[in-house]
Amino acid sequence: MDSRAMYNAASHLKSSVTWDNDWIHFGTGDEIKFDLIKNVIKDHLNESELLLIHLRTNSGQFSQRVIIETITPILGRENFQLWTVLMDKVIQFKKIGVLNLGQKK
């Protein structure tokens, strides 16, 4: 799936996601809690390949083992989402340093 198709699919599916009520603070700048993020990704998305939905032109599929280094430049700076390849679970990251877990209804 190309970047635009991934972005459009995620935008369409977002309305069918049930979100947890609690936001998790992961920090911004030099205070980002990378261990927390790694554990949340591993526990919630638990797949070897993940979809990074960022912008129409730079969304893509990445291995879970490189996802942290892939998202590090935008953590706490931009809004983006990580989805499973089946697009049934998602983590929404906000530029204010919080994340939220969701899964398709």
N, C-alpha and C. Protein backbone atom coordinates (compact mmCIF):
# COMPACT_ATOMS: atom_id res chain seq x y z
N MET A 1 0.85 -1.17 0.00
CA MET A 1 0.00 0.00 0.00
C MET A 1 0.91 1.24 0.00
N ASP A 2 0.60 2.19 -0.84
CA ASP A 2 1.42 3.40 -0.89
C ASP A 2 1.02 4.38 0.22
N SER A 3 1.81 5.40 0.40
CA SER A 3 1.64 6.35 1.49
C SER A 3 0.25 7.00 1.51
N ARG A 4 -0.20 7.46 0.36
CA ARG A 4 -1.51 8.12 0.28
C ARG A 4 -2.64 7.16 0.63
N ALA A 5 -2.56 5.93 0.17
CA ALA A 5 -3.59 4.93 0.46
C ALA A 5 -3.63 4.60 1.96
N MET A 6 -2.45 4.48 2.58
CA MET A 6 -2.38 4.23 4.03
C MET A 6 -3.01 5.39 4.80
N TYR A 7 -2.65 6.59 4.43
CA TYR A 7 -3.16 7.79 5.10
C TYR A 7 -4.68 7.87 4.97
N ASN A 8 -5.19 7.63 3.78
CA ASN A 8 -6.63 7.68 3.54
C ASN A 8 -7.36 6.57 4.30
N ALA A 9 -6.80 5.36 4.32
CA ALA A 9 -7.41 4.25 5.05
C ALA A 9 -7.49 4.56 6.54
N ALA A 10 -6.42 5.09 7.09
CA ALA A 10 -6.40 5.44 8.52
C ALA A 10 -7.40 6.54 8.82
N SER A 11 -7.49 7.52 7.95
CA SER A 11 -8.46 8.61 8.15
C SER A 11 -9.88 8.07 8.14
N HIS A 12 -10.15 7.15 7.23
CA HIS A 12 -11.48 6.56 7.13
C HIS A 12 -11.80 5.69 8.35
N LEU A 13 -10.83 4.89 8.80
CA LEU A 13 -11.04 3.97 9.92
C LEU A 13 -11.08 4.66 11.28
N LYS A 14 -10.52 5.84 11.37
CA LYS A 14 -10.42 6.53 12.66
C LYS A 14 -11.78 6.69 13.35
N SER A 15 -12.83 6.87 12.56
CA SER A 15 -14.17 7.04 13.15
C SER A 15 -14.73 5.73 13.70
N SER A 16 -14.14 4.60 13.33
CA SER A 16 -14.63 3.32 13.84
C SER A 16 -13.77 2.77 14.97
N VAL A 17 -12.91 3.62 15.52
CA VAL A 17 -12.01 3.22 16.61
C VAL A 17 -12.63 3.57 17.96
N THR A 18 -12.54 2.63 18.88
CA THR A 18 -12.91 2.89 20.27
C THR A 18 -11.62 3.26 21.01
N TRP A 19 -11.59 4.47 21.56
CA TRP A 19 -10.39 4.99 22.22
C TRP A 19 -10.49 4.79 23.72
N ASP A 20 -9.35 4.47 24.34
CA ASP A 20 -9.29 4.43 25.81
C ASP A 20 -9.60 5.82 26.34
N ASN A 21 -10.20 5.87 27.52
CA ASN A 21 -10.53 7.15 28.12
C ASN A 21 -9.31 7.89 28.66
N ASP A 22 -8.26 7.16 28.98
CA ASP A 22 -7.08 7.76 29.59
C ASP A 22 -5.98 8.04 28.57
N TRP A 23 -5.47 9.25 28.60
CA TRP A 23 -4.30 9.61 27.81
C TRP A 23 -3.06 9.29 28.65
N ILE A 24 -1.99 8.88 27.99
CA ILE A 24 -0.74 8.55 28.67
C ILE A 24 0.28 9.62 28.31
N HIS A 25 0.87 10.24 29.32
CA HIS A 25 1.87 11.29 29.09
C HIS A 25 3.23 10.63 28.84
N PHE A 26 3.83 10.93 27.69
CA PHE A 26 5.15 10.37 27.38
C PHE A 26 6.24 11.44 27.35
N GLY A 27 5.86 12.71 27.41
CA GLY A 27 6.84 13.79 27.50
C GLY A 27 7.17 14.44 26.17
N THR A 28 7.94 15.50 26.26
CA THR A 28 8.40 16.24 25.08
C THR A 28 9.86 16.63 25.27
N GLY A 29 10.49 17.05 24.20
CA GLY A 29 11.88 17.52 24.26
C GLY A 29 12.82 16.47 24.82
N ASP A 30 13.60 16.87 25.82
CA ASP A 30 14.57 15.96 26.44
C ASP A 30 13.94 15.05 27.47
N GLU A 31 12.65 15.18 27.72
CA GLU A 31 11.98 14.40 28.76
C GLU A 31 11.07 13.30 28.21
N ILE A 32 11.31 12.88 26.98
CA ILE A 32 10.51 11.80 26.39
C ILE A 32 10.87 10.48 27.05
N LYS A 33 9.86 9.74 27.45
CA LYS A 33 10.04 8.45 28.14
C LYS A 33 10.03 7.33 27.09
N PHE A 34 11.20 7.06 26.51
CA PHE A 34 11.31 6.07 25.45
C PHE A 34 10.96 4.66 25.91
N ASP A 35 11.33 4.30 27.14
CA ASP A 35 10.99 2.97 27.66
C ASP A 35 9.48 2.79 27.73
N LEU A 36 8.78 3.81 28.18
CA LEU A 36 7.32 3.77 28.24
C LEU A 36 6.74 3.56 26.84
N ILE A 37 7.22 4.32 25.87
CA ILE A 37 6.71 4.21 24.50
C ILE A 37 6.98 2.82 23.93
N LYS A 38 8.20 2.32 24.12
CA LYS A 38 8.54 0.97 23.63
C LYS A 38 7.61 -0.07 24.22
N ASN A 39 7.35 0.01 25.53
CA ASN A 39 6.48 -0.97 26.18
C ASN A 39 5.04 -0.87 25.71
N VAL A 40 4.54 0.34 25.53
CA VAL A 40 3.17 0.53 25.05
C VAL A 40 3.02 -0.04 23.64
N ILE A 41 3.99 0.23 22.78
CA ILE A 41 3.94 -0.29 21.40
C ILE A 41 3.98 -1.81 21.43
N LYS A 42 4.90 -2.37 22.21
CA LYS A 42 5.03 -3.83 22.28
C LYS A 42 3.76 -4.48 22.82
N ASP A 43 3.20 -3.91 23.88
CA ASP A 43 2.01 -4.51 24.51
C ASP A 43 0.74 -4.32 23.68
N HIS A 44 0.56 -3.14 23.10
CA HIS A 44 -0.70 -2.87 22.42
C HIS A 44 -0.70 -3.31 20.95
N LEU A 45 0.40 -3.12 20.26
CA LEU A 45 0.42 -3.43 18.83
C LEU A 45 1.07 -4.77 18.51
N ASN A 46 1.91 -5.28 19.37
CA ASN A 46 2.51 -6.60 19.32
C ASN A 46 2.52 -7.29 17.95
N GLU A 47 3.07 -6.63 16.96
CA GLU A 47 3.30 -7.22 15.63
C GLU A 47 4.69 -6.85 15.18
N SER A 48 5.25 -7.64 14.28
CA SER A 48 6.61 -7.36 13.82
C SER A 48 6.66 -6.18 12.84
N GLU A 49 5.56 -5.92 12.14
CA GLU A 49 5.49 -4.81 11.19
C GLU A 49 4.38 -3.86 11.63
N LEU A 50 4.64 -2.55 11.52
CA LEU A 50 3.67 -1.53 11.91
C LEU A 50 3.54 -0.48 10.81
N LEU A 51 2.39 0.17 10.79
CA LEU A 51 2.16 1.26 9.84
C LEU A 51 2.31 2.59 10.58
N LEU A 52 3.17 3.45 10.07
CA LEU A 52 3.31 4.80 10.58
C LEU A 52 2.47 5.70 9.69
N ILE A 53 1.45 6.31 10.27
CA ILE A 53 0.59 7.22 9.54
C ILE A 53 0.93 8.63 10.02
N HIS A 54 1.61 9.37 9.17
CA HIS A 54 2.07 10.70 9.55
C HIS A 54 1.45 11.74 8.61
N LEU A 55 1.91 11.78 7.40
CA LEU A 55 1.37 12.70 6.39
C LEU A 55 1.02 11.89 5.14
N ARG A 56 0.32 12.51 4.22
CA ARG A 56 -0.05 11.80 2.98
C ARG A 56 1.17 11.29 2.21
N THR A 57 2.27 12.00 2.31
CA THR A 57 3.43 11.68 1.47
C THR A 57 4.53 10.88 2.16
N ASN A 58 4.45 10.69 3.48
CA ASN A 58 5.54 9.98 4.15
C ASN A 58 5.07 8.92 5.13
N SER A 59 3.88 8.40 4.95
CA SER A 59 3.41 7.27 5.76
C SER A 59 4.02 6.00 5.17
N GLY A 60 4.19 4.97 6.00
CA GLY A 60 4.79 3.74 5.49
C GLY A 60 4.77 2.61 6.49
N GLN A 61 5.23 1.46 6.03
CA GLN A 61 5.31 0.26 6.87
C GLN A 61 6.74 0.09 7.34
N PHE A 62 6.89 -0.17 8.66
CA PHE A 62 8.21 -0.30 9.26
C PHE A 62 8.24 -1.49 10.21
N SER A 63 9.41 -2.04 10.38
CA SER A 63 9.62 -3.11 11.36
C SER A 63 9.50 -2.52 12.76
N GLN A 64 8.93 -3.28 13.68
CA GLN A 64 8.80 -2.79 15.05
C GLN A 64 10.18 -2.52 15.67
N ARG A 65 11.18 -3.25 15.27
CA ARG A 65 12.49 -3.04 15.88
C ARG A 65 13.15 -1.73 15.46
N VAL A 66 12.69 -1.09 14.39
CA VAL A 66 13.24 0.21 13.99
C VAL A 66 12.25 1.35 14.18
N ILE A 67 11.07 1.06 14.70
CA ILE A 67 10.02 2.08 14.76
C ILE A 67 10.40 3.23 15.70
N ILE A 68 11.06 2.93 16.82
CA ILE A 68 11.43 4.00 17.76
C ILE A 68 12.38 5.00 17.09
N GLU A 69 13.40 4.49 16.40
CA GLU A 69 14.32 5.43 15.74
C GLU A 69 13.63 6.15 14.58
N THR A 70 12.61 5.55 14.01
CA THR A 70 11.87 6.19 12.92
C THR A 70 11.00 7.33 13.43
N ILE A 71 10.36 7.14 14.61
CA ILE A 71 9.46 8.17 15.13
C ILE A 71 10.14 9.19 16.04
N THR A 72 11.36 8.92 16.48
CA THR A 72 12.06 9.83 17.40
C THR A 72 12.08 11.29 16.93
N PRO A 73 12.36 11.57 15.66
CA PRO A 73 12.40 12.99 15.24
C PRO A 73 11.05 13.71 15.33
N ILE A 74 9.94 12.98 15.36
CA ILE A 74 8.63 13.64 15.39
C ILE A 74 7.90 13.47 16.73
N LEU A 75 8.45 12.67 17.64
CA LEU A 75 7.83 12.48 18.96
C LEU A 75 7.79 13.80 19.72
N GLY A 76 6.61 14.16 20.22
CA GLY A 76 6.46 15.39 20.97
C GLY A 76 6.57 16.65 20.12
N ARG A 77 6.58 16.48 18.80
CA ARG A 77 6.68 17.63 17.89
C ARG A 77 5.54 17.66 16.88
N GLU A 78 5.03 16.47 16.52
CA GLU A 78 3.99 16.37 15.50
C GLU A 78 2.98 15.29 15.90
N ASN A 79 1.78 15.37 15.33
CA ASN A 79 0.76 14.36 15.54
C ASN A 79 0.95 13.24 14.52
N PHE A 80 0.81 12.00 14.96
CA PHE A 80 0.89 10.85 14.06
C PHE A 80 0.25 9.64 14.73
N GLN A 81 0.14 8.56 13.98
CA GLN A 81 -0.46 7.33 14.51
C GLN A 81 0.40 6.14 14.11
N LEU A 82 0.37 5.10 14.95
CA LEU A 82 0.94 3.80 14.62
C LEU A 82 -0.21 2.79 14.60
N TRP A 83 -0.32 2.03 13.53
CA TRP A 83 -1.37 1.02 13.37
C TRP A 83 -0.73 -0.35 13.17
N THR A 84 -1.49 -1.39 13.51
CA THR A 84 -1.09 -2.73 13.09
C THR A 84 -1.31 -2.82 11.59
N VAL A 85 -0.69 -3.79 10.94
CA VAL A 85 -0.84 -3.95 9.49
C VAL A 85 -2.30 -4.26 9.13
N LEU A 86 -3.01 -4.98 10.00
CA LEU A 86 -4.42 -5.28 9.76
C LEU A 86 -5.32 -4.08 10.04
N MET A 87 -4.74 -3.04 10.59
CA MET A 87 -5.44 -1.79 10.93
C MET A 87 -6.61 -2.04 11.89
N ASP A 88 -6.35 -2.90 12.89
CA ASP A 88 -7.37 -3.16 13.90
C ASP A 88 -7.02 -2.56 15.26
N LYS A 89 -5.76 -2.12 15.43
CA LYS A 89 -5.33 -1.46 16.66
C LYS A 89 -4.47 -0.27 16.30
N VAL A 90 -4.53 0.77 17.14
CA VAL A 90 -3.83 2.00 16.84
C VAL A 90 -3.35 2.68 18.12
N ILE A 91 -2.25 3.42 18.00
CA ILE A 91 -1.79 4.33 19.04
C ILE A 91 -1.71 5.71 18.40
N GLN A 92 -2.38 6.66 19.01
CA GLN A 92 -2.39 8.03 18.52
C GLN A 92 -1.42 8.86 19.36
N PHE A 93 -0.45 9.49 18.72
CA PHE A 93 0.53 10.33 19.40
C PHE A 93 0.22 11.79 19.10
N LYS A 94 0.19 12.61 20.13
CA LYS A 94 -0.07 14.04 19.95
C LYS A 94 1.21 14.83 20.23
N LYS A 95 1.35 15.96 19.55
CA LYS A 95 2.56 16.77 19.68
C LYS A 95 2.75 17.37 21.07
N ILE A 96 1.71 17.33 21.90
CA ILE A 96 1.83 17.87 23.26
C ILE A 96 2.40 16.85 24.24
N GLY A 97 2.80 15.65 23.73
CA GLY A 97 3.47 14.66 24.57
C GLY A 97 2.56 13.65 25.23
N VAL A 98 1.42 13.37 24.62
CA VAL A 98 0.52 12.35 25.13
C VAL A 98 0.18 11.36 24.03
N LEU A 99 -0.22 10.16 24.44
CA LEU A 99 -0.66 9.14 23.49
C LEU A 99 -1.94 8.50 23.99
N ASN A 100 -2.67 7.89 23.07
CA ASN A 100 -3.93 7.25 23.39
C ASN A 100 -4.03 5.95 22.61
N LEU A 101 -4.55 4.91 23.25
CA LEU A 101 -4.69 3.60 22.63
C LEU A 101 -6.10 3.42 22.09
N GLY A 102 -6.20 2.75 20.96
CA GLY A 102 -7.52 2.48 20.38
C GLY A 102 -7.53 1.17 19.64
N GLN A 103 -8.74 0.67 19.43
CA GLN A 103 -8.92 -0.52 18.61
C GLN A 103 -10.24 -0.42 17.87
N LYS A 104 -10.27 -1.05 16.71
CA LYS A 104 -11.44 -0.99 15.86
C LYS A 104 -12.60 -1.69 16.55
N LYS A 105 -13.79 -1.08 16.43
CA LYS A 105 -15.00 -1.63 17.05
C LYS A 105 -15.36 -2.96 16.43
